Amino acid sequence: MRIQKPRKKLYYSIRQVCDMVGISDHILKNWEKKFPQIQPIRNRGGNRYYVEKDLEMLFYIKKLFVEEKLNEEQIRERLQQFRQQKDGKEDVRLKTLLAEIRLEIQEILDLLQKDVSPKD
């Protein structure tokens, strides 16, 4: 069995995003309501799919809440400047990359556990 490096994903499910960012799904949905910059794509079934820019925004929001302890209004102001701002983007990009790696490792572990599980 040869493990190949997975291609970069275009879309992430809500579960994958929650695992990557380290938040629960109800917090994520709450942030979607409070911060209109987070706009996941929805399929015909209504399932949310997030792209790379959504991940960057979510990591940035988490940083503002947790590390800088800003309130929602201050975060809204910062989010408007986020796209033009160069400071802190590298940090967010690295966190996104690490989260993707963690997700890929978990998927590999899941595949390996299926191969090792006893067969009936």
C-alpha atoms as a PDB file:
ATOM      1  CA  MET A   1       0.000   0.000   0.000  1.00  0.00           C
ATOM      2  CA  ARG A   2       1.456   3.321  -1.060  1.00  0.00           C
ATOM      3  CA  ILE A   3       0.285   6.495   0.628  1.00  0.00           C
ATOM      4  CA  GLN A   4       0.098   9.463  -1.687  1.00  0.00           C
ATOM      5  CA  LYS A   5       0.009  13.072  -0.604  1.00  0.00           C
ATOM      6  CA  PRO A   6      -3.628  14.139  -0.886  1.00  0.00           C
ATOM      7  CA  ARG A   7      -4.497  17.022  -3.128  1.00  0.00           C
ATOM      8  CA  LYS A   8      -5.432  20.256  -1.449  1.00  0.00           C
ATOM      9  CA  LYS A   9      -9.144  20.222  -0.781  1.00  0.00           C
ATOM     10  CA  LEU A  10     -11.365  22.818  -2.342  1.00  0.00           C
ATOM     11  CA  TYR A  11     -14.167  22.414   0.182  1.00  0.00           C
ATOM     12  CA  TYR A  12     -14.361  21.346   3.807  1.00  0.00           C
ATOM     13  CA  SER A  13     -17.420  20.040   5.630  1.00  0.00           C
ATOM     14  CA  ILE A  14     -18.669  21.670   8.815  1.00  0.00           C
ATOM     15  CA  ARG A  15     -17.261  18.754  10.874  1.00  0.00           C
ATOM     16  CA  GLN A  16     -13.824  19.084   9.272  1.00  0.00           C
ATOM     17  CA  VAL A  17     -13.779  22.846   9.842  1.00  0.00           C
ATOM     18  CA  CYS A  18     -14.819  22.479  13.484  1.00  0.00           C
ATOM     19  CA  ASP A  19     -12.064  19.917  14.041  1.00  0.00           C
ATOM     20  CA  MET A  20      -9.477  22.075  12.299  1.00  0.00           C
ATOM     21  CA  VAL A  21     -10.342  25.328  14.075  1.00  0.00           C
ATOM     22  CA  GLY A  22     -11.081  23.690  17.421  1.00  0.00           C
ATOM     23  CA  ILE A  23     -14.623  24.965  17.932  1.00  0.00           C
ATOM     24  CA  SER A  24     -18.015  23.300  18.140  1.00  0.00           C
ATOM     25  CA  ASP A  25     -20.556  23.421  15.336  1.00  0.00           C
ATOM     26  CA  HIS A  26     -22.981  25.594  17.306  1.00  0.00           C
ATOM     27  CA  ILE A  27     -20.235  28.200  17.852  1.00  0.00           C
ATOM     28  CA  LEU A  28     -19.436  28.121  14.147  1.00  0.00           C
ATOM     29  CA  LYS A  29     -23.080  28.613  13.197  1.00  0.00           C
ATOM     30  CA  ASN A  30     -23.342  31.441  15.738  1.00  0.00           C
ATOM     31  CA  TRP A  31     -20.295  33.149  14.212  1.00  0.00           C
ATOM     32  CA  GLU A  32     -21.889  32.831  10.756  1.00  0.00           C
ATOM     33  CA  LYS A  33     -24.857  34.838  12.040  1.00  0.00           C
ATOM     34  CA  LYS A  34     -22.758  37.469  13.812  1.00  0.00           C
ATOM     35  CA  PHE A  35     -20.059  37.914  11.167  1.00  0.00           C
ATOM     36  CA  PRO A  36     -21.402  38.077   7.597  1.00  0.00           C
ATOM     37  CA  GLN A  37     -17.888  37.694   6.181  1.00  0.00           C
ATOM     38  CA  ILE A  38     -18.209  33.956   6.830  1.00  0.00           C
ATOM     39  CA  GLN A  39     -20.283  32.680   3.942  1.00  0.00           C
ATOM     40  CA  PRO A  40     -20.114  28.926   3.441  1.00  0.00           C
ATOM     41  CA  ILE A  41     -21.278  27.442   0.193  1.00  0.00           C
ATOM     42  CA  ARG A  42     -24.420  25.337   0.472  1.00  0.00           C
ATOM     43  CA  ASN A  43     -25.309  22.401  -1.703  1.00  0.00           C
ATOM     44  CA  ARG A  44     -28.834  21.455  -2.766  1.00  0.00           C
ATOM     45  CA  GLY A  45     -29.310  19.540   0.468  1.00  0.00           C
ATOM     46  CA  GLY A  46     -28.406  22.633   2.497  1.00  0.00           C
ATOM     47  CA  ASN A  47     -25.096  21.237   3.748  1.00  0.00           C
ATOM     48  CA  ARG A  48     -22.397  23.814   4.403  1.00  0.00           C
ATOM     49  CA  TYR A  49     -19.050  23.667   2.621  1.00  0.00           C
ATOM     50  CA  TYR A  50     -16.232  26.005   3.537  1.00  0.00           C
ATOM     51  CA  VAL A  51     -13.387  27.236   1.341  1.00  0.00           C
ATOM     52  CA  GLU A  52      -9.871  28.386   2.231  1.00  0.00           C
ATOM     53  CA  LYS A  53     -10.876  32.031   2.798  1.00  0.00           C
ATOM     54  CA  ASP A  54     -13.529  30.897   5.288  1.00  0.00           C
ATOM     55  CA  LEU A  55     -10.889  28.942   7.216  1.00  0.00           C
ATOM     56  CA  GLU A  56      -8.597  31.959   7.327  1.00  0.00           C
ATOM     57  CA  MET A  57     -11.433  34.110   8.613  1.00  0.00           C
ATOM     58  CA  LEU A  58     -12.411  31.572  11.282  1.00  0.00           C
ATOM     59  CA  PHE A  59      -8.861  31.229  12.585  1.00  0.00           C
ATOM     60  CA  TYR A  60      -8.614  35.022  12.693  1.00  0.00           C
ATOM     61  CA  ILE A  61     -11.914  35.342  14.604  1.00  0.00           C
ATOM     62  CA  LYS A  62     -10.802  32.697  17.072  1.00  0.00           C
ATOM     63  CA  LYS A  63      -7.512  34.544  17.567  1.00  0.00           C
ATOM     64  CA  LEU A  64      -9.363  37.800  18.237  1.00  0.00           C
ATOM     65  CA  PHE A  65     -11.733  36.160  20.726  1.00  0.00           C
ATOM     66  CA  VAL A  66      -9.214  33.991  22.564  1.00  0.00           C
ATOM     67  CA  GLU A  67      -5.850  35.763  22.403  1.00  0.00           C
ATOM     68  CA  GLU A  68      -6.839  39.414  22.122  1.00  0.00           C
ATOM     69  CA  LYS A  69     -10.103  39.063  24.086  1.00  0.00           C
ATOM     70  CA  LEU A  70     -12.008  41.487  21.869  1.00  0.00           C
ATOM     71  CA  ASN A  71     -15.770  41.886  21.935  1.00  0.00           C
ATOM     72  CA  GLU A  72     -18.001  41.275  18.904  1.00  0.00           C
ATOM     73  CA  GLU A  73     -18.113  44.908  17.804  1.00  0.00           C
ATOM     74  CA  GLN A  74     -14.325  45.205  17.891  1.00  0.00           C
ATOM     75  CA  ILE A  75     -14.039  41.969  15.940  1.00  0.00           C
ATOM     76  CA  ARG A  76     -16.449  43.265  13.274  1.00  0.00           C
ATOM     77  CA  GLU A  77     -14.236  46.330  12.834  1.00  0.00           C
ATOM     78  CA  ARG A  78     -11.109  44.179  12.549  1.00  0.00           C
ATOM     79  CA  LEU A  79     -12.752  41.833  10.045  1.00  0.00           C
ATOM     80  CA  GLN A  80     -13.459  44.731   7.708  1.00  0.00           C
ATOM     81  CA  GLN A  81      -9.741  45.498   7.707  1.00  0.00           C
ATOM     82  CA  PHE A  82      -8.668  41.841   7.537  1.00  0.00           C
ATOM     83  CA  ARG A  83      -8.420  41.539   3.768  1.00  0.00           C
ATOM     84  CA  GLN A  84      -6.303  44.667   3.387  1.00  0.00           C
ATOM     85  CA  GLN A  85      -4.183  43.936   6.429  1.00  0.00           C
ATOM     86  CA  LYS A  86      -0.860  42.116   6.024  1.00  0.00           C
ATOM     87  CA  ASP A  87      -0.061  41.728   9.738  1.00  0.00           C
ATOM     88  CA  GLY A  88      -1.105  38.445  11.265  1.00  0.00           C
ATOM     89  CA  LYS A  89      -1.999  36.812   7.953  1.00  0.00           C
ATOM     90  CA  GLU A  90       1.098  34.629   8.046  1.00  0.00           C
ATOM     91  CA  ASP A  91       0.103  33.371  11.487  1.00  0.00           C
ATOM     92  CA  VAL A  92      -3.391  32.538  10.266  1.00  0.00           C
ATOM     93  CA  ARG A  93      -2.025  30.886   7.108  1.00  0.00           C
ATOM     94  CA  LEU A  94       0.269  28.676   9.183  1.00  0.00           C
ATOM     95  CA  LYS A  95      -2.557  27.680  11.537  1.00  0.00           C
ATOM     96  CA  THR A  96      -4.679  26.768   8.530  1.00  0.00           C
ATOM     97  CA  LEU A  97      -1.850  24.691   7.070  1.00  0.00           C
ATOM     98  CA  LEU A  98      -1.286  22.877  10.374  1.00  0.00           C
ATOM     99  CA  ALA A  99      -4.997  22.159  10.702  1.00  0.00           C
ATOM    100  CA  GLU A 100      -5.056  20.698   7.178  1.00  0.00           C
ATOM    101  CA  ILE A 101      -2.086  18.485   8.025  1.00  0.00           C
ATOM    102  CA  ARG A 102      -3.766  17.332  11.239  1.00  0.00           C
ATOM    103  CA  LEU A 103      -6.931  16.483   9.282  1.00  0.00           C
ATOM    104  CA  GLU A 104      -4.962  14.532   6.669  1.00  0.00           C
ATOM    105  CA  ILE A 105      -3.134  12.574   9.377  1.00  0.00           C
ATOM    106  CA  GLN A 106      -6.449  11.702  11.015  1.00  0.00           C
ATOM    107  CA  GLU A 107      -7.832  10.506   7.680  1.00  0.00           C
ATOM    108  CA  ILE A 108      -4.724   8.345   7.161  1.00  0.00           C
ATOM    109  CA  LEU A 109      -5.075   6.892  10.658  1.00  0.00           C
ATOM    110  CA  ASP A 110      -8.717   6.093   9.970  1.00  0.00           C
ATOM    111  CA  LEU A 111      -7.744   4.299   6.750  1.00  0.00           C
ATOM    112  CA  LEU A 112      -5.003   2.346   8.511  1.00  0.00           C
ATOM    113  CA  GLN A 113      -7.389   1.290  11.290  1.00  0.00           C
ATOM    114  CA  LYS A 114      -9.844  -0.038   8.706  1.00  0.00           C
ATOM    115  CA  ASP A 115      -7.049  -2.117   7.118  1.00  0.00           C
ATOM    116  CA  VAL A 116      -5.984  -3.551  10.479  1.00  0.00           C
ATOM    117  CA  SER A 117      -9.445  -4.341  11.829  1.00  0.00           C
ATOM    118  CA  PRO A 118     -10.245  -8.083  12.009  1.00  0.00           C
ATOM    119  CA  LYS A 119     -12.310  -9.439   9.141  1.00  0.00           C
ATOM    120  CA  ASP A 120     -15.305 -11.704   9.730  1.00  0.00           C
END
